[in-house]
Amino acid sequence: MRDGKPLAKNYLRFKPVVDSLINIKGEKLCEYEMALTYNREPCDFHDKNRWVRGIADLVIIDDDQAYVVDYKTGSNKYPDPKQLKLMAIMLFTHMPEIVKIKAGLLFVMKNSFLDEEYHRSDMDKLWKSFERPLERLETSYDYDQWIPNPTPLCGWCSIDSCEFNRPKTSPF
């Protein structure tokens, strides 16, 4: 999509999905970089004062509405829309003209799509969903104490001393 080139032969099975995204009306922004300061103000992705940043795989801007798509090549067994919320928060902050965002995790290998919808009027609620995790992170950072958190991805963690570390096995 970004380069306007035909898909390579081994990716042709994804053509219907890619074409459906190409056919959505609006300006396409691929690998769109966004960042916010601690005070929740927009800043450059590489700004030394950035507090959070992210890259949206695909953003489509159509007047006061936007679409955000994140491509996933793994399993859709444990979909997590938190990433979509964060992308929506950053996009609303960077583009004040946007009032509605339709977002989705596109699991390309499974041909499935987890969709969400966000409205600018819900910004406080969106931020609130991150308050507790951010408080835990700030406390861990302040005291340099990091509580182990077991997840299906523990086999990929680089912390060998963690009680939950184990050999790599597919969580899917």
N, C-alpha and C. Protein backbone atom coordinates (compact mmCIF):
# COMPACT_ATOMS: atom_id res chain seq x y z
N MET A 1 0.83 -1.19 0.00
CA MET A 1 0.00 0.00 0.00
C MET A 1 0.87 1.25 0.00
N ARG A 2 1.89 1.24 0.84
CA ARG A 2 2.74 2.43 0.96
C ARG A 2 3.42 2.78 -0.35
N ASP A 3 3.96 1.75 -1.04
CA ASP A 3 4.76 2.01 -2.23
C ASP A 3 3.95 1.94 -3.52
N GLY A 4 2.70 1.50 -3.45
CA GLY A 4 1.86 1.39 -4.63
C GLY A 4 2.30 0.32 -5.60
N LYS A 5 3.08 -0.64 -5.12
CA LYS A 5 3.57 -1.72 -5.98
C LYS A 5 2.66 -2.94 -5.84
N PRO A 6 2.63 -3.78 -6.86
CA PRO A 6 1.87 -5.03 -6.75
C PRO A 6 2.47 -5.92 -5.67
N LEU A 7 1.64 -6.74 -5.06
CA LEU A 7 2.11 -7.67 -4.04
C LEU A 7 3.01 -8.73 -4.67
N ALA A 8 4.03 -9.14 -3.91
CA ALA A 8 4.87 -10.23 -4.37
C ALA A 8 4.04 -11.51 -4.46
N LYS A 9 4.48 -12.45 -5.27
CA LYS A 9 3.72 -13.67 -5.54
C LYS A 9 3.33 -14.40 -4.25
N ASN A 10 4.25 -14.49 -3.30
CA ASN A 10 3.96 -15.24 -2.07
C ASN A 10 3.01 -14.49 -1.12
N TYR A 11 2.62 -13.26 -1.46
CA TYR A 11 1.67 -12.50 -0.64
C TYR A 11 0.32 -12.29 -1.33
N LEU A 12 0.15 -12.85 -2.51
CA LEU A 12 -1.08 -12.64 -3.26
C LEU A 12 -2.33 -13.12 -2.52
N ARG A 13 -2.18 -14.05 -1.60
CA ARG A 13 -3.35 -14.52 -0.83
C ARG A 13 -3.94 -13.41 0.04
N PHE A 14 -3.15 -12.36 0.30
CA PHE A 14 -3.63 -11.23 1.10
C PHE A 14 -4.24 -10.11 0.25
N LYS A 15 -4.21 -10.28 -1.05
CA LYS A 15 -4.68 -9.22 -1.96
C LYS A 15 -6.10 -8.75 -1.66
N PRO A 16 -7.08 -9.63 -1.42
CA PRO A 16 -8.44 -9.13 -1.13
C PRO A 16 -8.48 -8.21 0.10
N VAL A 17 -7.72 -8.54 1.12
CA VAL A 17 -7.69 -7.70 2.33
C VAL A 17 -7.02 -6.36 2.03
N VAL A 18 -5.89 -6.42 1.35
CA VAL A 18 -5.17 -5.19 1.00
C VAL A 18 -6.04 -4.31 0.12
N ASP A 19 -6.69 -4.91 -0.86
CA ASP A 19 -7.55 -4.13 -1.75
C ASP A 19 -8.71 -3.48 -0.99
N SER A 20 -9.26 -4.19 -0.02
CA SER A 20 -10.37 -3.58 0.74
C SER A 20 -9.89 -2.36 1.53
N LEU A 21 -8.66 -2.39 2.02
CA LEU A 21 -8.10 -1.23 2.72
C LEU A 21 -7.80 -0.10 1.74
N ILE A 22 -7.25 -0.45 0.59
CA ILE A 22 -6.94 0.56 -0.43
C ILE A 22 -8.22 1.28 -0.87
N ASN A 23 -9.32 0.55 -0.91
CA ASN A 23 -10.59 1.12 -1.40
C ASN A 23 -11.31 2.00 -0.38
N ILE A 24 -10.82 2.06 0.85
CA ILE A 24 -11.43 2.97 1.83
C ILE A 24 -11.06 4.39 1.43
N LYS A 25 -12.07 5.25 1.39
CA LYS A 25 -11.87 6.65 1.01
C LYS A 25 -11.02 7.37 2.06
N GLY A 26 -10.07 8.17 1.61
CA GLY A 26 -9.29 9.00 2.51
C GLY A 26 -7.80 8.94 2.23
N GLU A 27 -7.07 9.79 2.95
CA GLU A 27 -5.61 9.84 2.83
C GLU A 27 -5.00 8.71 3.64
N LYS A 28 -4.14 7.90 3.00
CA LYS A 28 -3.50 6.76 3.65
C LYS A 28 -2.14 7.18 4.19
N LEU A 29 -1.93 6.86 5.47
CA LEU A 29 -0.65 7.12 6.13
C LEU A 29 -0.13 5.78 6.63
N CYS A 30 0.95 5.30 6.04
CA CYS A 30 1.51 4.01 6.43
C CYS A 30 2.64 4.21 7.44
N GLU A 31 2.67 3.32 8.43
CA GLU A 31 3.67 3.37 9.49
C GLU A 31 3.75 4.78 10.08
N TYR A 32 2.61 5.27 10.51
CA TYR A 32 2.48 6.65 10.99
C TYR A 32 2.99 6.75 12.43
N GLU A 33 4.02 7.56 12.61
CA GLU A 33 4.68 7.72 13.91
C GLU A 33 4.02 8.84 14.71
N MET A 34 3.74 8.55 16.00
CA MET A 34 3.15 9.55 16.89
C MET A 34 3.81 9.44 18.26
N ALA A 35 3.84 10.55 18.98
CA ALA A 35 4.37 10.54 20.34
C ALA A 35 3.68 11.64 21.15
N LEU A 36 3.68 11.43 22.47
CA LEU A 36 3.11 12.41 23.40
C LEU A 36 4.11 12.66 24.53
N THR A 37 4.05 13.88 25.07
CA THR A 37 4.84 14.18 26.25
C THR A 37 4.10 13.68 27.49
N TYR A 38 4.75 13.78 28.64
CA TYR A 38 4.14 13.38 29.90
C TYR A 38 2.86 14.18 30.15
N ASN A 39 2.82 15.41 29.68
CA ASN A 39 1.63 16.26 29.86
C ASN A 39 0.57 16.03 28.78
N ARG A 40 0.72 14.93 28.05
CA ARG A 40 -0.26 14.51 27.04
C ARG A 40 -0.35 15.47 25.86
N GLU A 41 0.75 16.09 25.54
CA GLU A 41 0.80 17.00 24.40
C GLU A 41 1.50 16.30 23.24
N PRO A 42 1.07 16.58 22.01
CA PRO A 42 1.72 15.93 20.87
C PRO A 42 3.16 16.42 20.72
N CYS A 43 4.02 15.52 20.31
CA CYS A 43 5.41 15.88 20.03
C CYS A 43 5.93 14.97 18.93
N ASP A 44 7.11 15.27 18.45
CA ASP A 44 7.74 14.47 17.42
C ASP A 44 8.09 13.09 17.97
N PHE A 45 8.03 12.09 17.14
CA PHE A 45 8.32 10.71 17.52
C PHE A 45 9.69 10.58 18.17
N HIS A 46 10.66 11.39 17.71
CA HIS A 46 12.04 11.32 18.21
C HIS A 46 12.35 12.39 19.25
N ASP A 47 11.38 13.17 19.66
CA ASP A 47 11.57 14.24 20.65
C ASP A 47 12.15 13.65 21.94
N LYS A 48 13.17 14.31 22.50
CA LYS A 48 13.79 13.79 23.73
C LYS A 48 12.83 13.87 24.92
N ASN A 49 11.78 14.69 24.82
CA ASN A 49 10.80 14.81 25.90
C ASN A 49 9.59 13.89 25.70
N ARG A 50 9.66 12.99 24.73
CA ARG A 50 8.52 12.09 24.53
C ARG A 50 8.36 11.20 25.76
N TRP A 51 7.12 10.86 26.03
CA TRP A 51 6.79 10.00 27.16
C TRP A 51 6.23 8.67 26.68
N VAL A 52 5.47 8.74 25.62
CA VAL A 52 4.94 7.53 24.99
C VAL A 52 4.95 7.75 23.49
N ARG A 53 5.17 6.67 22.77
CA ARG A 53 5.14 6.79 21.33
C ARG A 53 4.69 5.46 20.73
N GLY A 54 4.25 5.54 19.51
CA GLY A 54 3.80 4.34 18.82
C GLY A 54 3.75 4.58 17.32
N ILE A 55 3.70 3.48 16.61
CA ILE A 55 3.62 3.53 15.16
C ILE A 55 2.37 2.78 14.74
N ALA A 56 1.46 3.49 14.10
CA ALA A 56 0.26 2.86 13.57
C ALA A 56 0.60 2.29 12.19
N ASP A 57 0.31 1.02 11.98
CA ASP A 57 0.63 0.40 10.69
C ASP A 57 -0.06 1.13 9.55
N LEU A 58 -1.35 1.45 9.74
CA LEU A 58 -2.09 2.17 8.71
C LEU A 58 -3.09 3.11 9.36
N VAL A 59 -3.07 4.36 8.92
CA VAL A 59 -4.06 5.36 9.32
C VAL A 59 -4.68 5.88 8.04
N ILE A 60 -6.00 5.95 8.04
CA ILE A 60 -6.71 6.53 6.90
C ILE A 60 -7.53 7.69 7.43
N ILE A 61 -7.30 8.88 6.88
CA ILE A 61 -8.00 10.09 7.32
C ILE A 61 -9.05 10.45 6.27
N ASP A 62 -10.28 10.53 6.72
CA ASP A 62 -11.38 10.91 5.84
C ASP A 62 -12.21 11.97 6.56
N ASP A 63 -11.88 13.24 6.28
CA ASP A 63 -12.56 14.37 6.90
C ASP A 63 -12.37 14.31 8.42
N ASP A 64 -13.46 14.18 9.20
CA ASP A 64 -13.32 14.18 10.67
C ASP A 64 -13.33 12.76 11.24
N GLN A 65 -13.17 11.78 10.37
CA GLN A 65 -13.13 10.38 10.80
C GLN A 65 -11.81 9.76 10.38
N ALA A 66 -11.33 8.81 11.18
CA ALA A 66 -10.09 8.11 10.83
C ALA A 66 -10.27 6.62 11.05
N TYR A 67 -9.43 5.88 10.35
CA TYR A 67 -9.35 4.43 10.52
C TYR A 67 -7.92 4.13 10.96
N VAL A 68 -7.77 3.23 11.90
CA VAL A 68 -6.45 2.79 12.34
C VAL A 68 -6.44 1.27 12.26
N VAL A 69 -5.46 0.74 11.54
CA VAL A 69 -5.35 -0.71 11.38
C VAL A 69 -3.96 -1.14 11.83
N ASP A 70 -3.93 -2.19 12.66
CA ASP A 70 -2.66 -2.78 13.06
C ASP A 70 -2.63 -4.20 12.53
N TYR A 71 -1.62 -4.50 11.72
CA TYR A 71 -1.50 -5.83 11.13
C TYR A 71 -0.86 -6.78 12.15
N LYS A 72 -1.41 -7.96 12.25
CA LYS A 72 -0.87 -9.01 13.11
C LYS A 72 -0.64 -10.25 12.26
N THR A 73 0.52 -10.87 12.42
CA THR A 73 0.80 -12.09 11.66
C THR A 73 0.63 -13.33 12.52
N GLY A 74 0.46 -13.16 13.81
CA GLY A 74 0.31 -14.32 14.70
C GLY A 74 -1.14 -14.70 14.89
N SER A 75 -1.35 -15.42 15.95
CA SER A 75 -2.67 -15.95 16.26
C SER A 75 -3.61 -14.86 16.75
N ASN A 76 -4.89 -15.11 16.54
CA ASN A 76 -5.92 -14.21 17.05
C ASN A 76 -6.53 -14.75 18.34
N LYS A 77 -5.85 -15.70 18.96
CA LYS A 77 -6.37 -16.35 20.16
C LYS A 77 -6.44 -15.40 21.36
N TYR A 78 -5.48 -14.50 21.48
CA TYR A 78 -5.44 -13.56 22.60
C TYR A 78 -5.43 -12.12 22.09
N PRO A 79 -6.45 -11.66 21.42
CA PRO A 79 -6.42 -10.28 20.90
C PRO A 79 -6.44 -9.27 22.04
N ASP A 80 -5.65 -8.23 21.91
CA ASP A 80 -5.57 -7.21 22.95
C ASP A 80 -5.75 -5.83 22.32
N PRO A 81 -6.91 -5.21 22.53
CA PRO A 81 -7.18 -3.91 21.90
C PRO A 81 -6.53 -2.71 22.59
N LYS A 82 -5.74 -2.93 23.66
CA LYS A 82 -5.11 -1.78 24.34
C LYS A 82 -4.26 -0.96 23.37
N GLN A 83 -3.58 -1.64 22.47
CA GLN A 83 -2.76 -0.93 21.49
C GLN A 83 -3.63 -0.01 20.64
N LEU A 84 -4.82 -0.47 20.28
CA LEU A 84 -5.72 0.37 19.48
C LEU A 84 -6.16 1.60 20.27
N LYS A 85 -6.44 1.42 21.55
CA LYS A 85 -6.83 2.57 22.40
C LYS A 85 -5.72 3.60 22.43
N LEU A 86 -4.48 3.13 22.62
CA LEU A 86 -3.35 4.06 22.68
C LEU A 86 -3.17 4.78 21.35
N MET A 87 -3.30 4.06 20.24
CA MET A 87 -3.19 4.70 18.93
C MET A 87 -4.30 5.74 18.76
N ALA A 88 -5.51 5.43 19.23
CA ALA A 88 -6.63 6.38 19.13
C ALA A 88 -6.34 7.63 19.96
N ILE A 89 -5.87 7.44 21.18
CA ILE A 89 -5.53 8.59 22.04
C ILE A 89 -4.51 9.47 21.35
N MET A 90 -3.46 8.87 20.82
CA MET A 90 -2.41 9.67 20.18
C MET A 90 -2.93 10.35 18.92
N LEU A 91 -3.73 9.64 18.13
CA LEU A 91 -4.26 10.23 16.90
C LEU A 91 -5.21 11.39 17.21
N PHE A 92 -6.09 11.23 18.19
CA PHE A 92 -6.97 12.33 18.61
C PHE A 92 -6.14 13.54 19.05
N THR A 93 -5.03 13.28 19.74
CA THR A 93 -4.19 14.37 20.25
C THR A 93 -3.43 15.06 19.12
N HIS A 94 -2.94 14.27 18.19
CA HIS A 94 -2.18 14.85 17.07
C HIS A 94 -3.06 15.50 16.03
N MET A 95 -4.30 15.04 15.91
CA MET A 95 -5.20 15.56 14.87
C MET A 95 -6.52 15.97 15.51
N PRO A 96 -6.59 17.19 16.01
CA PRO A 96 -7.78 17.65 16.72
C PRO A 96 -9.05 17.67 15.88
N GLU A 97 -8.93 17.60 14.57
CA GLU A 97 -10.12 17.61 13.72
C GLU A 97 -10.83 16.25 13.69
N ILE A 98 -10.14 15.20 14.13
CA ILE A 98 -10.72 13.85 14.13
C ILE A 98 -11.68 13.72 15.32
N VAL A 99 -12.92 13.28 15.04
CA VAL A 99 -13.90 13.09 16.12
C VAL A 99 -14.27 11.62 16.33
N LYS A 100 -14.01 10.78 15.32
CA LYS A 100 -14.34 9.36 15.44
C LYS A 100 -13.25 8.53 14.78
N ILE A 101 -12.90 7.44 15.46
CA ILE A 101 -11.89 6.53 14.92
C ILE A 101 -12.46 5.12 14.92
N LYS A 102 -12.39 4.49 13.76
CA LYS A 102 -12.69 3.06 13.66
C LYS A 102 -11.33 2.38 13.59
N ALA A 103 -11.08 1.46 14.52
CA ALA A 103 -9.76 0.84 14.62
C ALA A 103 -9.90 -0.67 14.61
N GLY A 104 -8.84 -1.34 14.22
CA GLY A 104 -8.90 -2.79 14.22
C GLY A 104 -7.55 -3.46 14.19
N LEU A 105 -7.54 -4.66 14.79
CA LEU A 105 -6.40 -5.56 14.68
C LEU A 105 -6.71 -6.52 13.54
N LEU A 106 -5.89 -6.50 12.52
CA LEU A 106 -6.10 -7.35 11.36
C LEU A 106 -5.13 -8.53 11.43
N PHE A 107 -5.67 -9.70 11.75
CA PHE A 107 -4.87 -10.92 11.84
C PHE A 107 -4.82 -11.52 10.44
N VAL A 108 -3.77 -11.17 9.71
CA VAL A 108 -3.71 -11.51 8.29
C VAL A 108 -3.65 -13.00 8.02
N MET A 109 -2.98 -13.75 8.88
CA MET A 109 -2.86 -15.20 8.66
C MET A 109 -4.16 -15.93 8.99
N LYS A 110 -4.98 -15.32 9.81
CA LYS A 110 -6.24 -15.95 10.23
C LYS A 110 -7.44 -15.34 9.52
N ASN A 111 -7.20 -14.32 8.70
CA ASN A 111 -8.28 -13.62 8.01
C ASN A 111 -9.38 -13.19 8.98
N SER A 112 -8.95 -12.59 10.09
CA SER A 112 -9.93 -12.09 11.06
C SER A 112 -9.59 -10.66 11.46
N PHE A 113 -10.60 -9.99 11.97
CA PHE A 113 -10.47 -8.56 12.26
C PHE A 113 -11.20 -8.27 13.58
N LEU A 114 -10.48 -7.75 14.55
CA LEU A 114 -11.07 -7.30 15.82
C LEU A 114 -11.24 -5.80 15.71
N ASP A 115 -12.49 -5.32 15.71
CA ASP A 115 -12.70 -3.89 15.51
C ASP A 115 -13.18 -3.21 16.79
N GLU A 116 -12.83 -1.94 16.88
CA GLU A 116 -13.19 -1.07 17.98
C GLU A 116 -13.60 0.28 17.38
N GLU A 117 -14.34 1.05 18.14
CA GLU A 117 -14.70 2.41 17.71
C GLU A 117 -14.48 3.35 18.88
N TYR A 118 -13.87 4.49 18.59
CA TYR A 118 -13.55 5.47 19.63
C TYR A 118 -14.06 6.84 19.20
N HIS A 119 -14.46 7.62 20.19
CA HIS A 119 -14.97 8.97 19.95
C HIS A 119 -14.18 9.97 20.79
N ARG A 120 -13.91 11.12 20.19
CA ARG A 120 -13.17 12.15 20.91
C ARG A 120 -13.80 12.46 22.27
N SER A 121 -15.11 12.42 22.35
CA SER A 121 -15.80 12.72 23.61
C SER A 121 -15.47 11.70 24.70
N ASP A 122 -14.87 10.58 24.35
CA ASP A 122 -14.51 9.54 25.32
C ASP A 122 -13.04 9.59 25.74
N MET A 123 -12.34 10.66 25.40
CA MET A 123 -10.91 10.74 25.69
C MET A 123 -10.60 10.51 27.17
N ASP A 124 -11.36 11.13 28.07
CA ASP A 124 -11.10 10.95 29.50
C ASP A 124 -11.23 9.47 29.89
N LYS A 125 -12.24 8.81 29.37
CA LYS A 125 -12.45 7.40 29.66
C LYS A 125 -11.31 6.56 29.07
N LEU A 126 -10.84 6.91 27.89
CA LEU A 126 -9.73 6.18 27.28
C LEU A 126 -8.46 6.31 28.12
N TRP A 127 -8.17 7.53 28.54
CA TRP A 127 -6.99 7.75 29.39
C TRP A 127 -7.14 6.99 30.72
N LYS A 128 -8.33 7.01 31.27
CA LYS A 128 -8.58 6.36 32.56
C LYS A 128 -8.24 4.87 32.50
N SER A 129 -8.47 4.25 31.36
CA SER A 129 -8.18 2.81 31.23
C SER A 129 -6.69 2.51 31.38
N PHE A 130 -5.83 3.52 31.24
CA PHE A 130 -4.39 3.33 31.37
C PHE A 130 -3.85 3.77 32.74
N GLU A 131 -4.69 4.39 33.57
CA GLU A 131 -4.20 4.96 34.84
C GLU A 131 -3.52 3.94 35.74
N ARG A 132 -4.19 2.84 36.05
CA ARG A 132 -3.61 1.86 36.98
C ARG A 132 -2.33 1.24 36.43
N PRO A 133 -2.31 0.79 35.18
CA PRO A 133 -1.04 0.25 34.67
C PRO A 133 0.09 1.29 34.69
N LEU A 134 -0.25 2.55 34.40
CA LEU A 134 0.78 3.59 34.41
C LEU A 134 1.28 3.86 35.82
N GLU A 135 0.39 3.83 36.79
CA GLU A 135 0.80 3.99 38.19
C GLU A 135 1.77 2.89 38.59
N ARG A 136 1.46 1.65 38.20
CA ARG A 136 2.36 0.53 38.52
C ARG A 136 3.71 0.72 37.85
N LEU A 137 3.71 1.15 36.61
CA LEU A 137 4.97 1.38 35.91
C LEU A 137 5.79 2.48 36.58
N GLU A 138 5.13 3.58 36.93
CA GLU A 138 5.85 4.68 37.58
C GLU A 138 6.44 4.25 38.92
N THR A 139 5.69 3.47 39.68
CA THR A 139 6.20 2.98 40.96
C THR A 139 7.40 2.06 40.73
N SER A 140 7.30 1.14 39.77
CA SER A 140 8.42 0.25 39.46
C SER A 140 9.64 1.06 39.04
N TYR A 141 9.43 2.07 38.22
CA TYR A 141 10.53 2.90 37.76
C TYR A 141 11.15 3.68 38.92
N ASP A 142 10.31 4.30 39.75
CA ASP A 142 10.81 5.09 40.89
C ASP A 142 11.65 4.26 41.85
N TYR A 143 11.24 3.02 42.11
CA TYR A 143 11.92 2.17 43.09
C TYR A 143 12.81 1.11 42.46
N ASP A 144 12.86 1.10 41.13
CA ASP A 144 13.62 0.10 40.38
C ASP A 144 13.28 -1.31 40.84
N GLN A 145 12.00 -1.56 41.03
CA GLN A 145 11.50 -2.88 41.40
C GLN A 145 10.44 -3.28 40.38
N TRP A 146 10.70 -4.39 39.73
CA TRP A 146 9.84 -4.83 38.65
C TRP A 146 9.23 -6.17 39.01
N ILE A 147 7.93 -6.18 39.24
CA ILE A 147 7.23 -7.39 39.66
C ILE A 147 7.03 -8.28 38.44
N PRO A 148 7.48 -9.54 38.54
CA PRO A 148 7.28 -10.46 37.41
C PRO A 148 5.79 -10.64 37.10
N ASN A 149 5.52 -10.70 35.82
CA ASN A 149 4.14 -10.83 35.36
C ASN A 149 4.07 -11.96 34.34
N PRO A 150 3.56 -13.12 34.75
CA PRO A 150 3.52 -14.24 33.79
C PRO A 150 2.51 -14.01 32.68
N THR A 151 2.95 -14.26 31.45
CA THR A 151 2.08 -14.15 30.28
C THR A 151 2.41 -15.30 29.34
N PRO A 152 1.61 -15.52 28.32
CA PRO A 152 1.93 -16.57 27.34
C PRO A 152 3.24 -16.30 26.59
N LEU A 153 3.77 -15.09 26.69
CA LEU A 153 4.99 -14.74 25.96
C LEU A 153 6.25 -14.85 26.81
N CYS A 154 6.17 -15.43 28.03
CA CYS A 154 7.33 -15.53 28.92
C CYS A 154 8.52 -16.23 28.27
N GLY A 155 8.28 -17.17 27.38
CA GLY A 155 9.37 -17.86 26.72
C GLY A 155 10.22 -16.96 25.84
N TRP A 156 9.73 -15.79 25.49
CA TRP A 156 10.47 -14.86 24.64
C TRP A 156 11.16 -13.76 25.45
N CYS A 157 10.97 -13.76 26.76
CA CYS A 157 11.55 -12.72 27.62
C CYS A 157 13.04 -12.93 27.79
N SER A 158 13.77 -11.83 27.85
CA SER A 158 15.23 -11.91 27.98
C SER A 158 15.70 -11.95 29.44
N ILE A 159 14.78 -11.89 30.40
CA ILE A 159 15.16 -11.89 31.81
C ILE A 159 15.25 -13.35 32.29
N ASP A 160 16.47 -13.90 32.26
CA ASP A 160 16.66 -15.30 32.62
C ASP A 160 16.42 -15.57 34.10
N SER A 161 16.59 -14.56 34.94
CA SER A 161 16.45 -14.76 36.38
C SER A 161 14.99 -14.77 36.85
N CYS A 162 14.06 -14.47 35.98
CA CYS A 162 12.64 -14.42 36.34
C CYS A 162 12.13 -15.83 36.63
N GLU A 163 11.33 -15.94 37.67
CA GLU A 163 10.77 -17.24 38.04
C GLU A 163 9.86 -17.82 36.96
N PHE A 164 9.35 -16.98 36.08
CA PHE A 164 8.44 -17.44 35.04
C PHE A 164 9.12 -17.73 33.71
N ASN A 165 10.44 -17.46 33.64
CA ASN A 165 11.16 -17.71 32.39
C ASN A 165 11.14 -19.20 32.08
N ARG A 166 10.96 -19.51 30.82
CA ARG A 166 10.92 -20.91 30.39
C ARG A 166 11.37 -20.98 28.93
N PRO A 167 11.63 -22.18 28.45
CA PRO A 167 12.01 -22.29 27.03
C PRO A 167 10.90 -21.77 26.13
N LYS A 168 11.29 -21.31 24.98
CA LYS A 168 10.31 -20.77 24.03
C LYS A 168 9.36 -21.87 23.57
N THR A 169 8.08 -21.58 23.70
CA THR A 169 7.04 -22.43 23.14
C THR A 169 5.99 -21.50 22.60
N SER A 170 5.33 -21.91 21.58
CA SER A 170 4.31 -21.05 20.99
C SER A 170 3.14 -20.89 21.94
N PRO A 171 2.75 -19.64 22.25
CA PRO A 171 1.58 -19.43 23.11
C PRO A 171 0.28 -19.66 22.36
N PHE A 172 0.37 -19.92 21.07
CA PHE A 172 -0.83 -20.02 20.24
C PHE A 172 -1.01 -21.44 19.79
